[in-house]
């Protein structure tokens, strides 16, 4: 076995990689540029679905399999409505991989579901610092601001989300509701 193959084998066994985190997965993945372009150019919600799904898949990836496993475990706990367990797992994940936007986004979601809105808002901001195009976090920000009855802030968050993902139906419907609510309060 030549030296290059031996080094590659050793790296694979030890979990290391010759590739940077940016080239493999997460919010820095180079595939995202094309996917976001296609998402933004999609004319209908149906047309945008495959690009949205692919973006989520990339966001859920991490070069460290242990981080990916924790993300999946925390997501399963959240689906089972075991928010405390999900929070513990996502907190460990954000400590171990603080540059991984989806870890912060998932923890923000768990906190939101626990009614801990201020903490959730902080994690949403961290997600957006790492991935400003994160339409899920922008939508989450809108939901938090809605719960806090900050109509104009929520409108702004959903509008930002729609700039990234113009066919996001949940943001469109929330936006309609919020604009009505804002009008009602002005009259």
N, C-alpha and C. Protein backbone atom coordinates (compact mmCIF):
# COMPACT_ATOMS: atom_id res chain seq x y z
N UNK A 1 0.86 -1.18 0.00
CA UNK A 1 0.00 0.00 0.00
C UNK A 1 0.91 1.23 0.00
N UNK A 2 0.61 2.17 -0.93
CA UNK A 2 1.46 3.36 -0.97
C UNK A 2 1.13 4.31 0.17
N UNK A 3 2.00 5.29 0.39
CA UNK A 3 1.89 6.21 1.52
C UNK A 3 0.60 7.02 1.49
N UNK A 4 0.15 7.49 0.32
CA UNK A 4 -1.07 8.30 0.21
C UNK A 4 -2.28 7.47 0.63
N UNK A 5 -2.36 6.24 0.16
CA UNK A 5 -3.48 5.37 0.53
C UNK A 5 -3.46 5.07 2.02
N UNK A 6 -2.27 4.86 2.57
CA UNK A 6 -2.14 4.58 3.99
C UNK A 6 -2.61 5.78 4.82
N UNK A 7 -2.20 6.99 4.42
CA UNK A 7 -2.64 8.20 5.13
C UNK A 7 -4.15 8.38 5.02
N UNK A 8 -4.70 8.14 3.84
CA UNK A 8 -6.15 8.25 3.66
C UNK A 8 -6.88 7.26 4.55
N UNK A 9 -6.41 6.02 4.59
CA UNK A 9 -7.01 4.99 5.43
C UNK A 9 -6.94 5.38 6.91
N UNK A 10 -5.79 5.86 7.36
CA UNK A 10 -5.64 6.30 8.75
C UNK A 10 -6.59 7.45 9.08
N UNK A 11 -6.73 8.39 8.15
CA UNK A 11 -7.64 9.52 8.38
C UNK A 11 -9.09 9.04 8.45
N UNK A 12 -9.45 8.12 7.58
CA UNK A 12 -10.83 7.62 7.60
C UNK A 12 -11.12 6.85 8.88
N UNK A 13 -10.16 6.05 9.32
CA UNK A 13 -10.34 5.28 10.55
C UNK A 13 -10.47 6.22 11.76
N UNK A 14 -9.65 7.26 11.79
CA UNK A 14 -9.67 8.15 12.95
C UNK A 14 -10.78 9.19 12.88
N UNK A 15 -11.51 9.21 11.76
CA UNK A 15 -12.61 10.18 11.63
C UNK A 15 -12.16 11.52 11.11
N UNK A 16 -10.90 11.63 10.72
CA UNK A 16 -10.41 12.89 10.17
C UNK A 16 -10.76 12.96 8.70
N UNK A 17 -10.53 14.14 8.12
CA UNK A 17 -10.83 14.32 6.72
C UNK A 17 -9.79 15.23 6.09
N UNK A 18 -9.50 15.02 4.82
CA UNK A 18 -8.62 15.91 4.08
C UNK A 18 -9.37 17.16 3.65
N UNK A 19 -10.68 17.12 3.72
CA UNK A 19 -11.49 18.23 3.25
C UNK A 19 -11.86 19.13 4.41
N UNK A 20 -12.00 20.41 4.13
CA UNK A 20 -12.42 21.33 5.19
C UNK A 20 -13.91 21.14 5.44
N UNK A 21 -14.34 21.63 6.59
CA UNK A 21 -15.76 21.58 6.94
C UNK A 21 -16.58 22.29 5.88
N UNK A 22 -16.02 23.34 5.29
CA UNK A 22 -16.75 24.11 4.29
C UNK A 22 -17.07 23.28 3.06
N UNK A 23 -16.21 22.34 2.72
CA UNK A 23 -16.45 21.60 1.49
C UNK A 23 -17.35 20.39 1.69
N UNK A 24 -17.65 20.03 2.93
CA UNK A 24 -18.41 18.83 3.15
C UNK A 24 -19.87 19.06 3.52
N UNK A 25 -20.13 20.00 4.35
CA UNK A 25 -21.50 20.12 4.83
C UNK A 25 -21.68 21.38 5.65
N UNK A 26 -22.83 21.55 6.18
CA UNK A 26 -23.31 22.64 7.02
C UNK A 26 -23.60 23.88 6.21
N UNK A 27 -23.75 24.99 6.89
CA UNK A 27 -24.17 26.22 6.25
C UNK A 27 -23.11 26.80 5.31
N UNK A 28 -21.89 26.29 5.35
CA UNK A 28 -20.82 26.77 4.49
C UNK A 28 -20.64 25.93 3.23
N UNK A 29 -21.44 24.92 3.07
CA UNK A 29 -21.32 24.00 1.95
C UNK A 29 -21.48 24.76 0.62
N UNK A 30 -20.56 24.57 -0.31
CA UNK A 30 -20.64 25.29 -1.59
C UNK A 30 -21.87 24.94 -2.43
N UNK A 31 -22.50 23.80 -2.17
CA UNK A 31 -23.72 23.43 -2.92
C UNK A 31 -24.86 24.41 -2.63
N UNK A 32 -24.82 25.07 -1.49
CA UNK A 32 -25.93 25.94 -1.09
C UNK A 32 -26.13 27.13 -2.02
N UNK A 33 -25.06 27.68 -2.56
CA UNK A 33 -25.20 28.85 -3.43
C UNK A 33 -26.15 28.56 -4.59
N UNK A 34 -25.94 27.45 -5.25
CA UNK A 34 -26.80 27.07 -6.37
C UNK A 34 -28.21 26.74 -5.90
N UNK A 35 -28.31 26.04 -4.79
CA UNK A 35 -29.64 25.68 -4.27
C UNK A 35 -30.45 26.91 -3.89
N UNK A 36 -29.81 27.90 -3.25
CA UNK A 36 -30.53 29.12 -2.89
C UNK A 36 -30.93 29.91 -4.13
N UNK A 37 -30.09 29.90 -5.14
CA UNK A 37 -30.43 30.58 -6.39
C UNK A 37 -31.67 29.93 -7.01
N UNK A 38 -31.69 28.62 -7.06
CA UNK A 38 -32.84 27.89 -7.61
C UNK A 38 -34.08 28.09 -6.74
N UNK A 39 -33.91 28.11 -5.43
CA UNK A 39 -35.03 28.33 -4.52
C UNK A 39 -35.63 29.72 -4.76
N UNK A 40 -34.77 30.72 -4.90
CA UNK A 40 -35.23 32.08 -5.13
C UNK A 40 -35.89 32.29 -6.47
N UNK A 41 -35.52 31.48 -7.45
CA UNK A 41 -36.09 31.61 -8.79
C UNK A 41 -37.31 30.72 -9.03
N UNK A 42 -37.59 29.84 -8.10
CA UNK A 42 -38.76 28.95 -8.26
C UNK A 42 -40.03 29.80 -8.28
N UNK A 43 -40.91 29.46 -9.19
CA UNK A 43 -42.12 30.26 -9.35
C UNK A 43 -43.28 29.82 -8.47
N UNK A 44 -43.26 28.59 -8.00
CA UNK A 44 -44.36 28.09 -7.18
C UNK A 44 -43.80 27.35 -5.97
N UNK A 45 -44.66 27.14 -5.00
CA UNK A 45 -44.27 26.38 -3.82
C UNK A 45 -43.87 24.96 -4.22
N UNK A 46 -44.62 24.39 -5.15
CA UNK A 46 -44.32 23.03 -5.61
C UNK A 46 -42.95 22.96 -6.26
N UNK A 47 -42.63 23.97 -7.06
CA UNK A 47 -41.34 24.00 -7.75
C UNK A 47 -40.18 24.20 -6.76
N UNK A 48 -40.45 24.89 -5.66
CA UNK A 48 -39.38 25.17 -4.70
C UNK A 48 -39.13 24.01 -3.73
N UNK A 49 -40.08 23.08 -3.59
CA UNK A 49 -39.96 21.99 -2.61
C UNK A 49 -38.66 21.20 -2.71
N UNK A 50 -38.25 20.75 -3.91
CA UNK A 50 -37.01 19.95 -3.95
C UNK A 50 -35.78 20.74 -3.50
N UNK A 51 -35.74 22.04 -3.81
CA UNK A 51 -34.59 22.84 -3.41
C UNK A 51 -34.60 23.08 -1.90
N UNK A 52 -35.79 23.33 -1.36
CA UNK A 52 -35.93 23.50 0.09
C UNK A 52 -35.47 22.23 0.81
N UNK A 53 -35.91 21.09 0.33
CA UNK A 53 -35.56 19.80 0.94
C UNK A 53 -34.04 19.58 0.88
N UNK A 54 -33.43 19.89 -0.28
CA UNK A 54 -31.98 19.70 -0.41
C UNK A 54 -31.20 20.65 0.50
N UNK A 55 -31.69 21.88 0.66
CA UNK A 55 -31.03 22.82 1.58
C UNK A 55 -31.09 22.29 3.00
N UNK A 56 -32.26 21.82 3.42
CA UNK A 56 -32.37 21.26 4.77
C UNK A 56 -31.42 20.08 4.95
N UNK A 57 -31.30 19.24 3.90
CA UNK A 57 -30.40 18.08 4.00
C UNK A 57 -28.96 18.53 4.22
N UNK A 58 -28.53 19.56 3.48
CA UNK A 58 -27.17 20.06 3.64
C UNK A 58 -26.99 20.66 5.03
N UNK A 59 -27.98 21.44 5.48
CA UNK A 59 -27.88 22.05 6.81
C UNK A 59 -27.77 21.00 7.91
N UNK A 60 -28.37 19.84 7.69
CA UNK A 60 -28.38 18.79 8.71
C UNK A 60 -27.07 17.97 8.71
N UNK A 61 -26.23 18.16 7.72
CA UNK A 61 -24.98 17.40 7.62
C UNK A 61 -23.88 18.07 8.42
N UNK A 62 -22.99 17.26 8.92
CA UNK A 62 -21.78 17.77 9.56
C UNK A 62 -20.68 16.76 9.28
N UNK A 63 -19.46 17.25 9.10
CA UNK A 63 -18.36 16.33 8.78
C UNK A 63 -18.06 15.36 9.92
N UNK A 64 -18.39 15.75 11.14
CA UNK A 64 -18.17 14.87 12.29
C UNK A 64 -19.43 14.03 12.50
N UNK A 65 -19.33 12.73 12.28
CA UNK A 65 -20.51 11.86 12.42
C UNK A 65 -21.16 11.92 13.80
N UNK A 66 -20.37 12.19 14.84
CA UNK A 66 -20.94 12.28 16.19
C UNK A 66 -21.88 13.48 16.31
N UNK A 67 -21.53 14.57 15.66
CA UNK A 67 -22.38 15.77 15.66
C UNK A 67 -23.67 15.46 14.90
N UNK A 68 -23.55 14.82 13.76
CA UNK A 68 -24.73 14.44 12.97
C UNK A 68 -25.64 13.52 13.77
N UNK A 69 -25.04 12.57 14.48
CA UNK A 69 -25.82 11.64 15.30
C UNK A 69 -26.56 12.38 16.40
N UNK A 70 -25.87 13.31 17.07
CA UNK A 70 -26.52 14.09 18.14
C UNK A 70 -27.68 14.91 17.58
N UNK A 71 -27.48 15.48 16.40
CA UNK A 71 -28.55 16.26 15.78
C UNK A 71 -29.77 15.39 15.53
N UNK A 72 -29.55 14.17 15.05
CA UNK A 72 -30.65 13.24 14.81
C UNK A 72 -31.31 12.80 16.11
N UNK A 73 -30.50 12.51 17.14
CA UNK A 73 -31.04 12.10 18.44
C UNK A 73 -31.90 13.21 19.05
N UNK A 74 -31.39 14.42 19.01
CA UNK A 74 -32.14 15.56 19.54
C UNK A 74 -33.43 15.80 18.77
N UNK A 75 -33.37 15.62 17.45
CA UNK A 75 -34.57 15.79 16.62
C UNK A 75 -35.61 14.73 16.96
N UNK A 76 -35.15 13.49 17.19
CA UNK A 76 -36.09 12.42 17.58
C UNK A 76 -36.72 12.73 18.94
N UNK A 77 -35.92 13.23 19.87
CA UNK A 77 -36.45 13.58 21.20
C UNK A 77 -37.49 14.70 21.06
N UNK A 78 -37.21 15.66 20.19
CA UNK A 78 -38.16 16.76 20.00
C UNK A 78 -39.45 16.24 19.37
N UNK A 79 -39.34 15.34 18.40
CA UNK A 79 -40.54 14.76 17.77
C UNK A 79 -41.35 13.97 18.78
N UNK A 80 -40.67 13.36 19.74
CA UNK A 80 -41.36 12.60 20.80
C UNK A 80 -41.85 13.53 21.92
N UNK A 81 -41.68 14.82 21.73
CA UNK A 81 -42.06 15.85 22.68
C UNK A 81 -41.32 15.75 24.01
N UNK A 82 -40.13 15.19 23.97
CA UNK A 82 -39.26 15.15 25.13
C UNK A 82 -38.30 16.34 24.99
N UNK A 83 -38.85 17.54 25.22
CA UNK A 83 -38.11 18.77 24.96
C UNK A 83 -36.92 18.95 25.89
N UNK A 84 -37.04 18.48 27.13
CA UNK A 84 -35.92 18.56 28.06
C UNK A 84 -34.72 17.77 27.56
N UNK A 85 -34.97 16.54 27.11
CA UNK A 85 -33.89 15.71 26.58
C UNK A 85 -33.31 16.35 25.31
N UNK A 86 -34.19 16.85 24.44
CA UNK A 86 -33.74 17.50 23.21
C UNK A 86 -32.84 18.69 23.54
N UNK A 87 -33.24 19.47 24.53
CA UNK A 87 -32.47 20.64 24.92
C UNK A 87 -31.08 20.25 25.42
N UNK A 88 -31.00 19.20 26.21
CA UNK A 88 -29.71 18.73 26.71
C UNK A 88 -28.82 18.32 25.54
N UNK A 89 -29.37 17.56 24.61
CA UNK A 89 -28.59 17.08 23.47
C UNK A 89 -28.14 18.26 22.60
N UNK A 90 -29.06 19.18 22.29
CA UNK A 90 -28.71 20.31 21.44
C UNK A 90 -27.73 21.26 22.14
N UNK A 91 -27.82 21.35 23.46
CA UNK A 91 -26.86 22.18 24.21
C UNK A 91 -25.46 21.58 24.12
N UNK A 92 -25.36 20.26 24.25
CA UNK A 92 -24.07 19.59 24.09
C UNK A 92 -23.54 19.83 22.68
N UNK A 93 -24.43 19.72 21.72
CA UNK A 93 -24.05 19.89 20.32
C UNK A 93 -23.50 21.30 20.07
N UNK A 94 -24.18 22.34 20.60
CA UNK A 94 -23.71 23.71 20.36
C UNK A 94 -22.38 23.97 21.08
N UNK A 95 -22.13 23.29 22.18
CA UNK A 95 -20.83 23.42 22.85
C UNK A 95 -19.73 22.74 22.04
N UNK A 96 -20.04 21.58 21.49
CA UNK A 96 -19.05 20.82 20.74
C UNK A 96 -18.81 21.38 19.34
N UNK A 97 -19.84 21.99 18.74
CA UNK A 97 -19.72 22.52 17.38
C UNK A 97 -20.39 23.90 17.31
N UNK A 98 -19.78 24.90 17.95
CA UNK A 98 -20.40 26.22 18.02
C UNK A 98 -20.55 26.92 16.66
N UNK A 99 -19.86 26.45 15.66
CA UNK A 99 -19.96 27.04 14.33
C UNK A 99 -20.98 26.36 13.43
N UNK A 100 -21.76 25.44 13.98
CA UNK A 100 -22.73 24.66 13.22
C UNK A 100 -24.12 25.27 13.42
N UNK A 101 -24.59 25.99 12.42
CA UNK A 101 -25.84 26.76 12.54
C UNK A 101 -27.04 25.90 12.90
N UNK A 102 -27.12 24.71 12.34
CA UNK A 102 -28.33 23.90 12.59
C UNK A 102 -28.43 23.43 14.03
N UNK A 103 -27.31 23.29 14.71
CA UNK A 103 -27.36 22.96 16.14
C UNK A 103 -28.06 24.07 16.92
N UNK A 104 -27.72 25.31 16.62
CA UNK A 104 -28.35 26.46 17.27
C UNK A 104 -29.82 26.55 16.89
N UNK A 105 -30.12 26.29 15.62
CA UNK A 105 -31.52 26.37 15.17
C UNK A 105 -32.38 25.32 15.88
N UNK A 106 -31.86 24.12 16.00
CA UNK A 106 -32.63 23.07 16.67
C UNK A 106 -32.81 23.39 18.15
N UNK A 107 -31.77 23.92 18.78
CA UNK A 107 -31.90 24.28 20.20
C UNK A 107 -32.91 25.42 20.34
N UNK A 108 -32.90 26.38 19.41
CA UNK A 108 -33.88 27.47 19.44
C UNK A 108 -35.29 26.91 19.34
N UNK A 109 -35.48 25.91 18.51
CA UNK A 109 -36.79 25.29 18.34
C UNK A 109 -37.24 24.61 19.63
N UNK A 110 -36.34 23.86 20.26
CA UNK A 110 -36.68 23.19 21.53
C UNK A 110 -37.05 24.21 22.59
N UNK A 111 -36.27 25.28 22.68
CA UNK A 111 -36.56 26.33 23.66
C UNK A 111 -37.92 26.98 23.39
N UNK A 112 -38.20 27.22 22.11
CA UNK A 112 -39.49 27.83 21.73
C UNK A 112 -40.63 26.91 22.17
N UNK A 113 -40.49 25.62 21.90
CA UNK A 113 -41.54 24.67 22.26
C UNK A 113 -41.70 24.54 23.78
N UNK A 114 -40.68 24.90 24.52
CA UNK A 114 -40.74 24.89 25.99
C UNK A 114 -41.28 26.22 26.53
N UNK A 115 -41.54 27.17 25.62
CA UNK A 115 -42.05 28.47 26.04
C UNK A 115 -40.97 29.42 26.53
N UNK A 116 -39.73 29.09 26.29
CA UNK A 116 -38.60 29.91 26.73
C UNK A 116 -38.18 30.82 25.57
N UNK A 117 -39.02 31.82 25.31
CA UNK A 117 -38.92 32.64 24.11
C UNK A 117 -37.66 33.48 24.04
N UNK A 118 -37.27 34.09 25.15
CA UNK A 118 -36.07 34.95 25.12
C UNK A 118 -34.81 34.14 24.80
N UNK A 119 -34.70 32.97 25.39
CA UNK A 119 -33.55 32.10 25.12
C UNK A 119 -33.59 31.60 23.68
N UNK A 120 -34.78 31.27 23.23
CA UNK A 120 -34.95 30.83 21.85
C UNK A 120 -34.52 31.93 20.89
N UNK A 121 -34.91 33.16 21.18
CA UNK A 121 -34.55 34.30 20.32
C UNK A 121 -33.04 34.46 20.22
N UNK A 122 -32.32 34.24 21.33
CA UNK A 122 -30.85 34.35 21.31
C UNK A 122 -30.25 33.29 20.38
N UNK A 123 -30.79 32.06 20.47
CA UNK A 123 -30.27 31.00 19.61
C UNK A 123 -30.63 31.23 18.15
N UNK A 124 -31.80 31.82 17.90
CA UNK A 124 -32.16 32.16 16.52
C UNK A 124 -31.15 33.17 15.97
N UNK A 125 -30.80 34.16 16.78
CA UNK A 125 -29.83 35.17 16.33
C UNK A 125 -28.48 34.53 16.05
N UNK A 126 -28.08 33.57 16.89
CA UNK A 126 -26.81 32.88 16.64
C UNK A 126 -26.89 32.08 15.34
N UNK A 127 -28.02 31.45 15.09
CA UNK A 127 -28.21 30.72 13.83
C UNK A 127 -28.04 31.67 12.66
N UNK A 128 -28.70 32.83 12.75
CA UNK A 128 -28.67 33.80 11.65
C UNK A 128 -27.29 34.45 11.50
N UNK A 129 -26.55 34.56 12.58
CA UNK A 129 -25.16 35.05 12.46
C UNK A 129 -24.32 34.09 11.63
N UNK A 130 -24.57 32.80 11.82
CA UNK A 130 -23.82 31.78 11.09
C UNK A 130 -24.38 31.53 9.69
N UNK A 131 -25.70 31.67 9.53
CA UNK A 131 -26.35 31.41 8.24
C UNK A 131 -27.49 32.41 8.05
N UNK A 132 -27.18 33.61 7.51
CA UNK A 132 -28.20 34.65 7.35
C UNK A 132 -29.36 34.25 6.42
N UNK A 133 -29.14 33.23 5.60
CA UNK A 133 -30.19 32.76 4.68
C UNK A 133 -31.08 31.70 5.29
N UNK A 134 -30.93 31.44 6.57
CA UNK A 134 -31.68 30.34 7.20
C UNK A 134 -33.15 30.73 7.32
N UNK A 135 -33.92 30.36 6.31
CA UNK A 135 -35.34 30.72 6.27
C UNK A 135 -36.13 30.09 7.40
N UNK A 136 -35.67 28.95 7.90
CA UNK A 136 -36.33 28.32 9.05
C UNK A 136 -36.14 29.17 10.30
N UNK A 137 -34.93 29.69 10.51
CA UNK A 137 -34.66 30.54 11.66
C UNK A 137 -35.39 31.88 11.52
N UNK A 138 -35.46 32.41 10.30
CA UNK A 138 -36.18 33.66 10.09
C UNK A 138 -37.67 33.47 10.40
N UNK A 139 -38.20 32.34 10.01
CA UNK A 139 -39.59 32.03 10.33
C UNK A 139 -39.77 31.86 11.84
N UNK A 140 -38.80 31.17 12.47
CA UNK A 140 -38.84 31.01 13.92
C UNK A 140 -38.79 32.35 14.64
N UNK A 141 -37.96 33.24 14.12
CA UNK A 141 -37.87 34.59 14.70
C UNK A 141 -39.23 35.28 14.60
N UNK A 142 -39.88 35.13 13.44
CA UNK A 142 -41.21 35.70 13.27
C UNK A 142 -42.21 35.13 14.27
N UNK A 143 -42.16 33.83 14.50
CA UNK A 143 -43.08 33.20 15.45
C UNK A 143 -42.83 33.69 16.88
N UNK A 144 -41.57 33.83 17.24
CA UNK A 144 -41.24 34.34 18.58
C UNK A 144 -41.79 35.75 18.74
N UNK A 145 -41.56 36.60 17.75
CA UNK A 145 -42.03 37.98 17.83
C UNK A 145 -43.55 38.06 17.80
N UNK A 146 -44.19 37.13 17.10
CA UNK A 146 -45.66 37.06 17.15
C UNK A 146 -46.13 36.75 18.56
N UNK A 147 -45.49 35.77 19.18
CA UNK A 147 -45.86 35.38 20.54
C UNK A 147 -45.66 36.53 21.52
N UNK A 148 -44.68 37.39 21.23
CA UNK A 148 -44.40 38.55 22.07
C UNK A 148 -45.23 39.77 21.66
N UNK A 149 -46.10 39.56 20.66
CA UNK A 149 -46.98 40.61 20.13
C UNK A 149 -46.22 41.81 19.55
N UNK A 150 -45.03 41.52 19.01
CA UNK A 150 -44.25 42.52 18.30
C UNK A 150 -44.57 42.36 16.82
N UNK A 151 -45.70 42.92 16.42
CA UNK A 151 -46.21 42.71 15.07
C UNK A 151 -45.23 43.21 14.00
N UNK A 152 -44.71 44.40 14.17
CA UNK A 152 -43.82 44.94 13.13
C UNK A 152 -42.51 44.14 13.05
N UNK A 153 -41.99 43.72 14.19
CA UNK A 153 -40.79 42.88 14.18
C UNK A 153 -41.05 41.54 13.51
N UNK A 154 -42.21 40.96 13.79
CA UNK A 154 -42.57 39.68 13.17
C UNK A 154 -42.75 39.85 11.66
N UNK A 155 -43.38 40.95 11.26
CA UNK A 155 -43.55 41.21 9.82
C UNK A 155 -42.19 41.29 9.15
N UNK A 156 -41.27 42.01 9.76
CA UNK A 156 -39.93 42.15 9.19
C UNK A 156 -39.23 40.78 9.07
N UNK A 157 -39.35 39.95 10.10
CA UNK A 157 -38.71 38.62 10.07
C UNK A 157 -39.28 37.76 8.95
N UNK A 158 -40.61 37.73 8.83
CA UNK A 158 -41.22 36.92 7.76
C UNK A 158 -40.88 37.48 6.39
N UNK A 159 -40.83 38.79 6.26
CA UNK A 159 -40.45 39.39 4.97
C UNK A 159 -39.01 39.03 4.60
N UNK A 160 -38.11 39.02 5.59
CA UNK A 160 -36.73 38.61 5.33
C UNK A 160 -36.69 37.14 4.89
N UNK A 161 -37.51 36.31 5.54
CA UNK A 161 -37.57 34.90 5.16
C UNK A 161 -38.06 34.73 3.73
N UNK A 162 -39.03 35.55 3.35
CA UNK A 162 -39.58 35.46 1.98
C UNK A 162 -38.61 35.98 0.92
N UNK A 163 -37.69 36.83 1.31
CA UNK A 163 -36.65 37.26 0.36
C UNK A 163 -35.75 36.09 0.00
N UNK A 164 -35.53 35.21 0.97
CA UNK A 164 -34.68 34.04 0.75
C UNK A 164 -35.48 32.92 0.10
N UNK A 165 -36.69 32.71 0.58
CA UNK A 165 -37.55 31.60 0.13
C UNK A 165 -38.92 32.20 -0.21
N UNK A 166 -39.07 32.75 -1.41
CA UNK A 166 -40.29 33.48 -1.78
C UNK A 166 -41.58 32.66 -1.73
N UNK A 167 -41.47 31.36 -1.77
CA UNK A 167 -42.67 30.51 -1.80
C UNK A 167 -42.94 29.81 -0.47
N UNK A 168 -42.38 30.33 0.61
CA UNK A 168 -42.59 29.72 1.93
C UNK A 168 -44.02 30.06 2.38
N UNK A 169 -44.91 29.09 2.23
CA UNK A 169 -46.34 29.34 2.45
C UNK A 169 -46.66 29.72 3.90
N UNK A 170 -45.97 29.13 4.87
CA UNK A 170 -46.25 29.48 6.26
C UNK A 170 -45.92 30.95 6.52
N UNK A 171 -44.82 31.43 5.98
CA UNK A 171 -44.45 32.83 6.16
C UNK A 171 -45.46 33.74 5.47
N UNK A 172 -45.93 33.32 4.29
CA UNK A 172 -46.93 34.12 3.57
C UNK A 172 -48.22 34.25 4.37
N UNK A 173 -48.69 33.14 4.94
CA UNK A 173 -49.94 33.20 5.70
C UNK A 173 -49.76 33.97 7.02
N UNK A 174 -48.63 33.81 7.68
CA UNK A 174 -48.37 34.57 8.90
C UNK A 174 -48.30 36.07 8.59
N UNK A 175 -47.71 36.38 7.48
CA UNK A 175 -47.57 37.78 7.08
C UNK A 175 -48.94 38.42 6.84
N UNK A 176 -49.83 37.68 6.18
CA UNK A 176 -51.19 38.19 5.96
C UNK A 176 -51.88 38.46 7.30
N UNK A 177 -51.79 37.51 8.21
CA UNK A 177 -52.39 37.66 9.53
C UNK A 177 -51.82 38.88 10.25
N UNK A 178 -50.50 39.01 10.23
CA UNK A 178 -49.83 40.09 10.95
C UNK A 178 -50.19 41.47 10.40
N UNK A 179 -50.28 41.56 9.10
CA UNK A 179 -50.63 42.86 8.51
C UNK A 179 -52.05 43.25 8.87
N UNK A 180 -52.96 42.27 8.93
CA UNK A 180 -54.32 42.52 9.39
C UNK A 180 -54.32 42.97 10.85
N UNK A 181 -53.57 42.24 11.67
CA UNK A 181 -53.48 42.53 13.10
C UNK A 181 -52.94 43.94 13.33
N UNK A 182 -51.91 44.29 12.59
CA UNK A 182 -51.30 45.59 12.72
C UNK A 182 -52.29 46.70 12.32
N UNK A 183 -53.06 46.45 11.25
CA UNK A 183 -54.07 47.41 10.79
C UNK A 183 -55.14 47.61 11.85
N UNK A 184 -55.60 46.48 12.42
CA UNK A 184 -56.65 46.53 13.45
C UNK A 184 -56.20 47.38 14.63
N UNK A 185 -54.97 47.23 15.02
CA UNK A 185 -54.48 47.97 16.18
C UNK A 185 -54.27 49.46 15.87
N UNK A 186 -54.10 49.77 14.61
CA UNK A 186 -53.90 51.18 14.22
C UNK A 186 -55.25 51.93 14.13
N UNK A 187 -56.34 51.17 13.98
CA UNK A 187 -57.66 51.82 13.87
C UNK A 187 -58.41 51.82 15.16
